[in-house]
Amino acid sequence: YILIKIDYDQEDLFLRHFTITGKGP
């Protein structure tokens, strides 16, 4: 599956951090 983790920025709550990771072959 493709995992997308989304986090708030601690300094600026309007910013979003997206980490997209390919899981599995």
mmCIF file of all heavy atoms, coordinates in Angstrom:
data_MODEL
# 
_entry.id   MODEL 
# 
loop_
_atom_site.group_PDB 
_atom_site.id 
_atom_site.type_symbol 
_atom_site.label_atom_id 
_atom_site.label_alt_id 
_atom_site.label_comp_id 
_atom_site.label_asym_id 
_atom_site.label_entity_id 
_atom_site.label_seq_id 
_atom_site.pdbx_PDB_ins_code 
_atom_site.Cartn_x 
_atom_site.Cartn_y 
_atom_site.Cartn_z 
_atom_site.occupancy 
_atom_site.B_iso_or_equiv 
_atom_site.pdbx_formal_charge 
_atom_site.auth_seq_id 
_atom_site.auth_comp_id 
_atom_site.auth_asym_id 
_atom_site.auth_atom_id 
_atom_site.pdbx_PDB_model_num 
ATOM 1   N N   . TYR A 1 1  ? 0.848  -1.186 0.000  1.00 0.00 ? 1  TYR A N   1 
ATOM 2   C CA  . TYR A 1 1  ? 0.000  0.000  0.000  1.00 0.00 ? 1  TYR A CA  1 
ATOM 3   C C   . TYR A 1 1  ? 0.883  1.235  0.000  1.00 0.00 ? 1  TYR A C   1 
ATOM 4   O O   . TYR A 1 1  ? 2.097  1.162  0.206  1.00 0.00 ? 1  TYR A O   1 
ATOM 5   C CB  . TYR A 1 1  ? -0.966 0.010  1.188  1.00 0.00 ? 1  TYR A CB  1 
ATOM 6   C CG  . TYR A 1 1  ? -0.302 -0.046 2.547  1.00 0.00 ? 1  TYR A CG  1 
ATOM 7   C CD1 . TYR A 1 1  ? -0.064 1.119  3.276  1.00 0.00 ? 1  TYR A CD1 1 
ATOM 8   C CD2 . TYR A 1 1  ? 0.083  -1.253 3.111  1.00 0.00 ? 1  TYR A CD2 1 
ATOM 9   C CE1 . TYR A 1 1  ? 0.542  1.068  4.519  1.00 0.00 ? 1  TYR A CE1 1 
ATOM 10  C CE2 . TYR A 1 1  ? 0.686  -1.314 4.356  1.00 0.00 ? 1  TYR A CE2 1 
ATOM 11  C CZ  . TYR A 1 1  ? 0.912  -0.145 5.053  1.00 0.00 ? 1  TYR A CZ  1 
ATOM 12  O OH  . TYR A 1 1  ? 1.518  -0.196 6.284  1.00 0.00 ? 1  TYR A OH  1 
ATOM 13  N N   . ILE A 1 2  ? 0.267  2.362  -0.230 1.00 0.00 ? 2  ILE A N   1 
ATOM 14  C CA  . ILE A 1 2  ? 0.960  3.645  -0.152 1.00 0.00 ? 2  ILE A CA  1 
ATOM 15  C C   . ILE A 1 2  ? 0.528  4.292  1.154  1.00 0.00 ? 2  ILE A C   1 
ATOM 16  O O   . ILE A 1 2  ? -0.670 4.432  1.417  1.00 0.00 ? 2  ILE A O   1 
ATOM 17  C CB  . ILE A 1 2  ? 0.594  4.552  -1.340 1.00 0.00 ? 2  ILE A CB  1 
ATOM 18  C CG1 . ILE A 1 2  ? 0.985  3.872  -2.659 1.00 0.00 ? 2  ILE A CG1 1 
ATOM 19  C CG2 . ILE A 1 2  ? 1.263  5.919  -1.195 1.00 0.00 ? 2  ILE A CG2 1 
ATOM 20  C CD1 . ILE A 1 2  ? 0.386  4.525  -3.888 1.00 0.00 ? 2  ILE A CD1 1 
ATOM 21  N N   . LEU A 1 3  ? 1.485  4.660  1.976  1.00 0.00 ? 3  LEU A N   1 
ATOM 22  C CA  . LEU A 1 3  ? 1.193  5.296  3.257  1.00 0.00 ? 3  LEU A CA  1 
ATOM 23  C C   . LEU A 1 3  ? 1.461  6.790  3.146  1.00 0.00 ? 3  LEU A C   1 
ATOM 24  O O   . LEU A 1 3  ? 2.545  7.205  2.721  1.00 0.00 ? 3  LEU A O   1 
ATOM 25  C CB  . LEU A 1 3  ? 2.069  4.702  4.367  1.00 0.00 ? 3  LEU A CB  1 
ATOM 26  C CG  . LEU A 1 3  ? 1.952  5.366  5.730  1.00 0.00 ? 3  LEU A CG  1 
ATOM 27  C CD1 . LEU A 1 3  ? 0.543  5.248  6.293  1.00 0.00 ? 3  LEU A CD1 1 
ATOM 28  C CD2 . LEU A 1 3  ? 2.969  4.760  6.698  1.00 0.00 ? 3  LEU A CD2 1 
ATOM 29  N N   . ILE A 1 4  ? 0.465  7.578  3.528  1.00 0.00 ? 4  ILE A N   1 
ATOM 30  C CA  . ILE A 1 4  ? 0.627  9.029  3.576  1.00 0.00 ? 4  ILE A CA  1 
ATOM 31  C C   . ILE A 1 4  ? 0.414  9.475  5.016  1.00 0.00 ? 4  ILE A C   1 
ATOM 32  O O   . ILE A 1 4  ? -0.699 9.377  5.537  1.00 0.00 ? 4  ILE A O   1 
ATOM 33  C CB  . ILE A 1 4  ? -0.352 9.760  2.633  1.00 0.00 ? 4  ILE A CB  1 
ATOM 34  C CG1 . ILE A 1 4  ? -0.143 9.291  1.188  1.00 0.00 ? 4  ILE A CG1 1 
ATOM 35  C CG2 . ILE A 1 4  ? -0.167 11.276 2.760  1.00 0.00 ? 4  ILE A CG2 1 
ATOM 36  C CD1 . ILE A 1 4  ? -1.075 9.926  0.176  1.00 0.00 ? 4  ILE A CD1 1 
ATOM 37  N N   . LYS A 1 5  ? 1.489  9.924  5.641  1.00 0.00 ? 5  LYS A N   1 
ATOM 38  C CA  . LYS A 1 5  ? 1.413  10.474 7.005  1.00 0.00 ? 5  LYS A CA  1 
ATOM 39  C C   . LYS A 1 5  ? 1.370  11.987 6.894  1.00 0.00 ? 5  LYS A C   1 
ATOM 40  O O   . LYS A 1 5  ? 2.159  12.584 6.163  1.00 0.00 ? 5  LYS A O   1 
ATOM 41  C CB  . LYS A 1 5  ? 2.619  10.036 7.830  1.00 0.00 ? 5  LYS A CB  1 
ATOM 42  C CG  . LYS A 1 5  ? 2.591  8.586  8.198  1.00 0.00 ? 5  LYS A CG  1 
ATOM 43  C CD  . LYS A 1 5  ? 3.712  8.265  9.162  1.00 0.00 ? 5  LYS A CD  1 
ATOM 44  C CE  . LYS A 1 5  ? 3.645  6.801  9.558  1.00 0.00 ? 5  LYS A CE  1 
ATOM 45  N NZ  . LYS A 1 5  ? 4.614  6.486  10.596 1.00 0.00 ? 5  LYS A NZ  1 
ATOM 46  N N   . ILE A 1 6  ? 0.452  12.579 7.647  1.00 0.00 ? 6  ILE A N   1 
ATOM 47  C CA  . ILE A 1 6  ? 0.278  14.026 7.613  1.00 0.00 ? 6  ILE A CA  1 
ATOM 48  C C   . ILE A 1 6  ? 0.486  14.562 9.025  1.00 0.00 ? 6  ILE A C   1 
ATOM 49  O O   . ILE A 1 6  ? -0.128 14.085 9.975  1.00 0.00 ? 6  ILE A O   1 
ATOM 50  C CB  . ILE A 1 6  ? -1.124 14.418 7.099  1.00 0.00 ? 6  ILE A CB  1 
ATOM 51  C CG1 . ILE A 1 6  ? -1.415 13.731 5.764  1.00 0.00 ? 6  ILE A CG1 1 
ATOM 52  C CG2 . ILE A 1 6  ? -1.236 15.939 6.971  1.00 0.00 ? 6  ILE A CG2 1 
ATOM 53  C CD1 . ILE A 1 6  ? -2.841 13.876 5.283  1.00 0.00 ? 6  ILE A CD1 1 
ATOM 54  N N   . ASP A 1 7  ? 1.346  15.576 9.136  1.00 0.00 ? 7  ASP A N   1 
ATOM 55  C CA  . ASP A 1 7  ? 1.628  16.194 10.428 1.00 0.00 ? 7  ASP A CA  1 
ATOM 56  C C   . ASP A 1 7  ? 1.474  17.698 10.336 1.00 0.00 ? 7  ASP A C   1 
ATOM 57  O O   . ASP A 1 7  ? 1.750  18.303 9.298  1.00 0.00 ? 7  ASP A O   1 
ATOM 58  C CB  . ASP A 1 7  ? 3.073  15.877 10.866 1.00 0.00 ? 7  ASP A CB  1 
ATOM 59  C CG  . ASP A 1 7  ? 3.288  14.415 11.153 1.00 0.00 ? 7  ASP A CG  1 
ATOM 60  O OD1 . ASP A 1 7  ? 2.567  13.882 12.012 1.00 0.00 ? 7  ASP A OD1 1 
ATOM 61  O OD2 . ASP A 1 7  ? 4.155  13.813 10.509 1.00 0.00 ? 7  ASP A OD2 1 
ATOM 62  N N   . TYR A 1 8  ? 1.053  18.292 11.453 1.00 0.00 ? 8  TYR A N   1 
ATOM 63  C CA  . TYR A 1 8  ? 1.058  19.743 11.590 1.00 0.00 ? 8  TYR A CA  1 
ATOM 64  C C   . TYR A 1 8  ? 2.489  20.209 11.768 1.00 0.00 ? 8  TYR A C   1 
ATOM 65  O O   . TYR A 1 8  ? 3.321  19.501 12.329 1.00 0.00 ? 8  TYR A O   1 
ATOM 66  C CB  . TYR A 1 8  ? 0.321  20.175 12.870 1.00 0.00 ? 8  TYR A CB  1 
ATOM 67  C CG  . TYR A 1 8  ? -1.146 19.927 12.903 1.00 0.00 ? 8  TYR A CG  1 
ATOM 68  C CD1 . TYR A 1 8  ? -1.672 18.838 13.584 1.00 0.00 ? 8  TYR A CD1 1 
ATOM 69  C CD2 . TYR A 1 8  ? -2.020 20.805 12.295 1.00 0.00 ? 8  TYR A CD2 1 
ATOM 70  C CE1 . TYR A 1 8  ? -3.030 18.626 13.654 1.00 0.00 ? 8  TYR A CE1 1 
ATOM 71  C CE2 . TYR A 1 8  ? -3.394 20.601 12.355 1.00 0.00 ? 8  TYR A CE2 1 
ATOM 72  C CZ  . TYR A 1 8  ? -3.889 19.513 13.039 1.00 0.00 ? 8  TYR A CZ  1 
ATOM 73  O OH  . TYR A 1 8  ? -5.226 19.300 13.104 1.00 0.00 ? 8  TYR A OH  1 
ATOM 74  N N   . ASP A 1 9  ? 2.753  21.420 11.354 1.00 0.00 ? 9  ASP A N   1 
ATOM 75  C CA  . ASP A 1 9  ? 4.036  22.035 11.652 1.00 0.00 ? 9  ASP A CA  1 
ATOM 76  C C   . ASP A 1 9  ? 3.914  22.657 13.046 1.00 0.00 ? 9  ASP A C   1 
ATOM 77  O O   . ASP A 1 9  ? 2.940  23.346 13.338 1.00 0.00 ? 9  ASP A O   1 
ATOM 78  C CB  . ASP A 1 9  ? 4.357  23.118 10.612 1.00 0.00 ? 9  ASP A CB  1 
ATOM 79  C CG  . ASP A 1 9  ? 5.749  23.666 10.757 1.00 0.00 ? 9  ASP A CG  1 
ATOM 80  O OD1 . ASP A 1 9  ? 5.981  24.420 11.728 1.00 0.00 ? 9  ASP A OD1 1 
ATOM 81  O OD2 . ASP A 1 9  ? 6.594  23.336 9.908  1.00 0.00 ? 9  ASP A OD2 1 
ATOM 82  N N   . GLN A 1 10 ? 4.859  22.398 13.908 1.00 0.00 ? 10 GLN A N   1 
ATOM 83  C CA  . GLN A 1 10 ? 4.802  22.904 15.290 1.00 0.00 ? 10 GLN A CA  1 
ATOM 84  C C   . GLN A 1 10 ? 4.955  24.423 15.362 1.00 0.00 ? 10 GLN A C   1 
ATOM 85  O O   . GLN A 1 10 ? 4.456  25.059 16.279 1.00 0.00 ? 10 GLN A O   1 
ATOM 86  C CB  . GLN A 1 10 ? 5.876  22.224 16.145 1.00 0.00 ? 10 GLN A CB  1 
ATOM 87  C CG  . GLN A 1 10 ? 5.702  20.722 16.254 1.00 0.00 ? 10 GLN A CG  1 
ATOM 88  C CD  . GLN A 1 10 ? 4.361  20.330 16.840 1.00 0.00 ? 10 GLN A CD  1 
ATOM 89  O OE1 . GLN A 1 10 ? 3.908  20.890 17.822 1.00 0.00 ? 10 GLN A OE1 1 
ATOM 90  N NE2 . GLN A 1 10 ? 3.703  19.372 16.203 1.00 0.00 ? 10 GLN A NE2 1 
ATOM 91  N N   . GLU A 1 11 ? 5.629  25.007 14.391 1.00 0.00 ? 11 GLU A N   1 
ATOM 92  C CA  . GLU A 1 11 ? 5.868  26.450 14.384 1.00 0.00 ? 11 GLU A CA  1 
ATOM 93  C C   . GLU A 1 11 ? 4.741  27.224 13.689 1.00 0.00 ? 11 GLU A C   1 
ATOM 94  O O   . GLU A 1 11 ? 4.438  28.342 14.051 1.00 0.00 ? 11 GLU A O   1 
ATOM 95  C CB  . GLU A 1 11 ? 7.189  26.750 13.659 1.00 0.00 ? 11 GLU A CB  1 
ATOM 96  C CG  . GLU A 1 11 ? 8.362  25.925 14.136 1.00 0.00 ? 11 GLU A CG  1 
ATOM 97  C CD  . GLU A 1 11 ? 9.103  26.578 15.268 1.00 0.00 ? 11 GLU A CD  1 
ATOM 98  O OE1 . GLU A 1 11 ? 9.275  27.798 15.231 1.00 0.00 ? 11 GLU A OE1 1 
ATOM 99  O OE2 . GLU A 1 11 ? 9.497  25.847 16.192 1.00 0.00 ? 11 GLU A OE2 1 
ATOM 100 N N   . ASP A 1 12 ? 4.160  26.633 12.667 1.00 0.00 ? 12 ASP A N   1 
ATOM 101 C CA  . ASP A 1 12 ? 3.137  27.294 11.862 1.00 0.00 ? 12 ASP A CA  1 
ATOM 102 C C   . ASP A 1 12 ? 2.008  26.299 11.604 1.00 0.00 ? 12 ASP A C   1 
ATOM 103 O O   . ASP A 1 12 ? 2.141  25.397 10.776 1.00 0.00 ? 12 ASP A O   1 
ATOM 104 C CB  . ASP A 1 12 ? 3.758  27.765 10.541 1.00 0.00 ? 12 ASP A CB  1 
ATOM 105 C CG  . ASP A 1 12 ? 2.781  28.533 9.658  1.00 0.00 ? 12 ASP A CG  1 
ATOM 106 O OD1 . ASP A 1 12 ? 1.548  28.466 9.896  1.00 0.00 ? 12 ASP A OD1 1 
ATOM 107 O OD2 . ASP A 1 12 ? 3.237  29.185 8.712  1.00 0.00 ? 12 ASP A OD2 1 
ATOM 108 N N   . LEU A 1 13 ? 0.895  26.448 12.298 1.00 0.00 ? 13 LEU A N   1 
ATOM 109 C CA  . LEU A 1 13 ? -0.201 25.476 12.211 1.00 0.00 ? 13 LEU A CA  1 
ATOM 110 C C   . LEU A 1 13 ? -0.908 25.450 10.862 1.00 0.00 ? 13 LEU A C   1 
ATOM 111 O O   . LEU A 1 13 ? -1.730 24.576 10.611 1.00 0.00 ? 13 LEU A O   1 
ATOM 112 C CB  . LEU A 1 13 ? -1.203 25.705 13.336 1.00 0.00 ? 13 LEU A CB  1 
ATOM 113 C CG  . LEU A 1 13 ? -0.673 25.432 14.740 1.00 0.00 ? 13 LEU A CG  1 
ATOM 114 C CD1 . LEU A 1 13 ? -1.741 25.692 15.786 1.00 0.00 ? 13 LEU A CD1 1 
ATOM 115 C CD2 . LEU A 1 13 ? -0.163 24.003 14.862 1.00 0.00 ? 13 LEU A CD2 1 
ATOM 116 N N   . PHE A 1 14 ? -0.592 26.394 9.953  1.00 0.00 ? 14 PHE A N   1 
ATOM 117 C CA  . PHE A 1 14 ? -1.148 26.338 8.608  1.00 0.00 ? 14 PHE A CA  1 
ATOM 118 C C   . PHE A 1 14 ? -0.371 25.373 7.722  1.00 0.00 ? 14 PHE A C   1 
ATOM 119 O O   . PHE A 1 14 ? -0.882 24.907 6.721  1.00 0.00 ? 14 PHE A O   1 
ATOM 120 C CB  . PHE A 1 14 ? -1.166 27.726 7.963  1.00 0.00 ? 14 PHE A CB  1 
ATOM 121 C CG  . PHE A 1 14 ? -2.167 28.649 8.588  1.00 0.00 ? 14 PHE A CG  1 
ATOM 122 C CD1 . PHE A 1 14 ? -1.755 29.650 9.445  1.00 0.00 ? 14 PHE A CD1 1 
ATOM 123 C CD2 . PHE A 1 14 ? -3.529 28.510 8.330  1.00 0.00 ? 14 PHE A CD2 1 
ATOM 124 C CE1 . PHE A 1 14 ? -2.678 30.491 10.035 1.00 0.00 ? 14 PHE A CE1 1 
ATOM 125 C CE2 . PHE A 1 14 ? -4.458 29.348 8.912  1.00 0.00 ? 14 PHE A CE2 1 
ATOM 126 C CZ  . PHE A 1 14 ? -4.027 30.346 9.776  1.00 0.00 ? 14 PHE A CZ  1 
ATOM 127 N N   . LEU A 1 15 ? 0.875  25.098 8.091  1.00 0.00 ? 15 LEU A N   1 
ATOM 128 C CA  . LEU A 1 15 ? 1.702  24.199 7.296  1.00 0.00 ? 15 LEU A CA  1 
ATOM 129 C C   . LEU A 1 15 ? 1.383  22.750 7.610  1.00 0.00 ? 15 LEU A C   1 
ATOM 130 O O   . LEU A 1 15 ? 1.155  22.383 8.755  1.00 0.00 ? 15 LEU A O   1 
ATOM 131 C CB  . LEU A 1 15 ? 3.194  24.453 7.561  1.00 0.00 ? 15 LEU A CB  1 
ATOM 132 C CG  . LEU A 1 15 ? 3.751  25.812 7.170  1.00 0.00 ? 15 LEU A CG  1 
ATOM 133 C CD1 . LEU A 1 15 ? 5.235  25.890 7.525  1.00 0.00 ? 15 LEU A CD1 1 
ATOM 134 C CD2 . LEU A 1 15 ? 3.550  26.084 5.687  1.00 0.00 ? 15 LEU A CD2 1 
ATOM 135 N N   . ARG A 1 16 ? 1.365  21.940 6.561  1.00 0.00 ? 16 ARG A N   1 
ATOM 136 C CA  . ARG A 1 16 ? 1.180  20.498 6.704  1.00 0.00 ? 16 ARG A CA  1 
ATOM 137 C C   . ARG A 1 16 ? 2.372  19.805 6.075  1.00 0.00 ? 16 ARG A C   1 
ATOM 138 O O   . ARG A 1 16 ? 2.821  20.176 4.990  1.00 0.00 ? 16 ARG A O   1 
ATOM 139 C CB  . ARG A 1 16 ? -0.103 20.017 6.007  1.00 0.00 ? 16 ARG A CB  1 
ATOM 140 C CG  . ARG A 1 16 ? -1.386 20.605 6.558  1.00 0.00 ? 16 ARG A CG  1 
ATOM 141 C CD  . ARG A 1 16 ? -1.639 20.125 7.987  1.00 0.00 ? 16 ARG A CD  1 
ATOM 142 N NE  . ARG A 1 16 ? -2.930 20.497 8.484  1.00 0.00 ? 16 ARG A NE  1 
ATOM 143 C CZ  . ARG A 1 16 ? -3.185 21.595 9.191  1.00 0.00 ? 16 ARG A CZ  1 
ATOM 144 N NH1 . ARG A 1 16 ? -2.214 22.448 9.438  1.00 0.00 ? 16 ARG A NH1 1 
ATOM 145 N NH2 . ARG A 1 16 ? -4.389 21.844 9.655  1.00 0.00 ? 16 ARG A NH2 1 
ATOM 146 N N   . HIS A 1 17 ? 2.859  18.780 6.751  1.00 0.00 ? 17 HIS A N   1 
ATOM 147 C CA  . HIS A 1 17 ? 3.965  17.966 6.259  1.00 0.00 ? 17 HIS A CA  1 
ATOM 148 C C   . HIS A 1 17 ? 3.407  16.614 5.840  1.00 0.00 ? 17 HIS A C   1 
ATOM 149 O O   . HIS A 1 17 ? 2.755  15.935 6.635  1.00 0.00 ? 17 HIS A O   1 
ATOM 150 C CB  . HIS A 1 17 ? 5.025  17.778 7.347  1.00 0.00 ? 17 HIS A CB  1 
ATOM 151 C CG  . HIS A 1 17 ? 5.702  19.039 7.737  1.00 0.00 ? 17 HIS A CG  1 
ATOM 152 N ND1 . HIS A 1 17 ? 6.911  19.409 7.213  1.00 0.00 ? 17 HIS A ND1 1 
ATOM 153 C CD2 . HIS A 1 17 ? 5.333  20.035 8.585  1.00 0.00 ? 17 HIS A CD2 1 
ATOM 154 C CE1 . HIS A 1 17 ? 7.274  20.579 7.733  1.00 0.00 ? 17 HIS A CE1 1 
ATOM 155 N NE2 . HIS A 1 17 ? 6.328  20.973 8.561  1.00 0.00 ? 17 HIS A NE2 1 
ATOM 156 N N   . PHE A 1 18 ? 3.674  16.232 4.600  1.00 0.00 ? 18 PHE A N   1 
ATOM 157 C CA  . PHE A 1 18 ? 3.199  14.967 4.042  1.00 0.00 ? 18 PHE A CA  1 
ATOM 158 C C   . PHE A 1 18 ? 4.407  14.079 3.772  1.00 0.00 ? 18 PHE A C   1 
ATOM 159 O O   . PHE A 1 18 ? 5.343  14.500 3.101  1.00 0.00 ? 18 PHE A O   1 
ATOM 160 C CB  . PHE A 1 18 ? 2.451  15.191 2.724  1.00 0.00 ? 18 PHE A CB  1 
ATOM 161 C CG  . PHE A 1 18 ? 1.233  16.055 2.867  1.00 0.00 ? 18 PHE A CG  1 
ATOM 162 C CD1 . PHE A 1 18 ? 1.339  17.437 2.829  1.00 0.00 ? 18 PHE A CD1 1 
ATOM 163 C CD2 . PHE A 1 18 ? -0.010 15.489 3.037  1.00 0.00 ? 18 PHE A CD2 1 
ATOM 164 C CE1 . PHE A 1 18 ? 0.219  18.239 2.969  1.00 0.00 ? 18 PHE A CE1 1 
ATOM 165 C CE2 . PHE A 1 18 ? -1.141 16.287 3.179  1.00 0.00 ? 18 PHE A CE2 1 
ATOM 166 C CZ  . PHE A 1 18 ? -1.025 17.659 3.142  1.00 0.00 ? 18 PHE A CZ  1 
ATOM 167 N N   . THR A 1 19 ? 4.365  12.875 4.296  1.00 0.00 ? 19 THR A N   1 
ATOM 168 C CA  . THR A 1 19 ? 5.385  11.885 3.979  1.00 0.00 ? 19 THR A CA  1 
ATOM 169 C C   . THR A 1 19 ? 4.681  10.738 3.271  1.00 0.00 ? 19 THR A C   1 
ATOM 170 O O   . THR A 1 19 ? 3.804  10.100 3.841  1.00 0.00 ? 19 THR A O   1 
ATOM 171 C CB  . THR A 1 19 ? 6.100  11.384 5.250  1.00 0.00 ? 19 THR A CB  1 
ATOM 172 O OG1 . THR A 1 19 ? 6.652  12.511 5.944  1.00 0.00 ? 19 THR A OG1 1 
ATOM 173 C CG2 . THR A 1 19 ? 7.210  10.408 4.892  1.00 0.00 ? 19 THR A CG2 1 
ATOM 174 N N   . ILE A 1 20 ? 5.060  10.522 2.020  1.00 0.00 ? 20 ILE A N   1 
ATOM 175 C CA  . ILE A 1 20 ? 4.441  9.489  1.191  1.00 0.00 ? 20 ILE A CA  1 
ATOM 176 C C   . ILE A 1 20 ? 5.466  8.369  1.034  1.00 0.00 ? 20 ILE A C   1 
ATOM 177 O O   . ILE A 1 20 ? 6.571  8.594  0.546  1.00 0.00 ? 20 ILE A O   1 
ATOM 178 C CB  . ILE A 1 20 ? 4.030  10.041 -0.182 1.00 0.00 ? 20 ILE A CB  1 
ATOM 179 C CG1 . ILE A 1 20 ? 3.098  11.249 -0.012 1.00 0.00 ? 20 ILE A CG1 1 
ATOM 180 C CG2 . ILE A 1 20 ? 3.377  8.954  -1.027 1.00 0.00 ? 20 ILE A CG2 1 
ATOM 181 C CD1 . ILE A 1 20 ? 2.812  12.008 -1.296 1.00 0.00 ? 20 ILE A CD1 1 
ATOM 182 N N   . THR A 1 21 ? 5.073  7.168  1.468  1.00 0.00 ? 21 THR A N   1 
ATOM 183 C CA  . THR A 1 21 ? 5.985  6.024  1.446  1.00 0.00 ? 21 THR A CA  1 
ATOM 184 C C   . THR A 1 21 ? 5.321  4.847  0.758  1.00 0.00 ? 21 THR A C   1 
ATOM 185 O O   . THR A 1 21 ? 4.180  4.502  1.070  1.00 0.00 ? 21 THR A O   1 
ATOM 186 C CB  . THR A 1 21 ? 6.367  5.609  2.889  1.00 0.00 ? 21 THR A CB  1 
ATOM 187 O OG1 . THR A 1 21 ? 6.877  6.745  3.586  1.00 0.00 ? 21 THR A OG1 1 
ATOM 188 C CG2 . THR A 1 21 ? 7.410  4.502  2.885  1.00 0.00 ? 21 THR A CG2 1 
ATOM 189 N N   . GLY A 1 22 ? 6.029  4.236  -0.158 1.00 0.00 ? 22 GLY A N   1 
ATOM 190 C CA  . GLY A 1 22 ? 5.555  3.012  -0.797 1.00 0.00 ? 22 GLY A CA  1 
ATOM 191 C C   . GLY A 1 22 ? 5.883  1.826  0.091  1.00 0.00 ? 22 GLY A C   1 
ATOM 192 O O   . GLY A 1 22 ? 7.039  1.614  0.435  1.00 0.00 ? 22 GLY A O   1 
ATOM 193 N N   . LYS A 1 23 ? 4.877  1.076  0.500  1.00 0.00 ? 23 LYS A N   1 
ATOM 194 C CA  . LYS A 1 23 ? 5.059  -0.096 1.369  1.00 0.00 ? 23 LYS A CA  1 
ATOM 195 C C   . LYS A 1 23 ? 4.888  -1.369 0.545  1.00 0.00 ? 23 LYS A C   1 
ATOM 196 O O   . LYS A 1 23 ? 3.886  -1.526 -0.156 1.00 0.00 ? 23 LYS A O   1 
ATOM 197 C CB  . LYS A 1 23 ? 4.041  -0.100 2.514  1.00 0.00 ? 23 LYS A CB  1 
ATOM 198 C CG  . LYS A 1 23 ? 4.135  1.096  3.431  1.00 0.00 ? 23 LYS A CG  1 
ATOM 199 C CD  . LYS A 1 23 ? 5.300  0.920  4.364  1.00 0.00 ? 23 LYS A CD  1 
ATOM 200 C CE  . LYS A 1 23 ? 5.259  1.947  5.469  1.00 0.00 ? 23 LYS A CE  1 
ATOM 201 N NZ  . LYS A 1 23 ? 6.295  1.712  6.448  1.00 0.00 ? 23 LYS A NZ  1 
ATOM 202 N N   . GLY A 1 24 ? 5.827  -2.260 0.645  1.00 0.00 ? 24 GLY A N   1 
ATOM 203 C CA  . GLY A 1 24 ? 5.748  -3.537 -0.052 1.00 0.00 ? 24 GLY A CA  1 
ATOM 204 C C   . GLY A 1 24 ? 6.262  -3.452 -1.472 1.00 0.00 ? 24 GLY A C   1 
ATOM 205 O O   . GLY A 1 24 ? 6.416  -2.361 -2.041 1.00 0.00 ? 24 GLY A O   1 
ATOM 206 N N   . PRO A 1 25 ? 6.531  -4.609 -2.050 1.00 0.00 ? 25 PRO A N   1 
ATOM 207 C CA  . PRO A 1 25 ? 7.132  -4.672 -3.380 1.00 0.00 ? 25 PRO A CA  1 
ATOM 208 C C   . PRO A 1 25 ? 6.330  -3.979 -4.478 1.00 0.00 ? 25 PRO A C   1 
ATOM 209 O O   . PRO A 1 25 ? 6.900  -3.426 -5.403 1.00 0.00 ? 25 PRO A O   1 
ATOM 210 C CB  . PRO A 1 25 ? 7.243  -6.168 -3.667 1.00 0.00 ? 25 PRO A CB  1 
ATOM 211 C CG  . PRO A 1 25 ? 6.883  -6.880 -2.433 1.00 0.00 ? 25 PRO A CG  1 
ATOM 212 C CD  . PRO A 1 25 ? 6.309  -5.917 -1.462 1.00 0.00 ? 25 PRO A CD  1 
# 
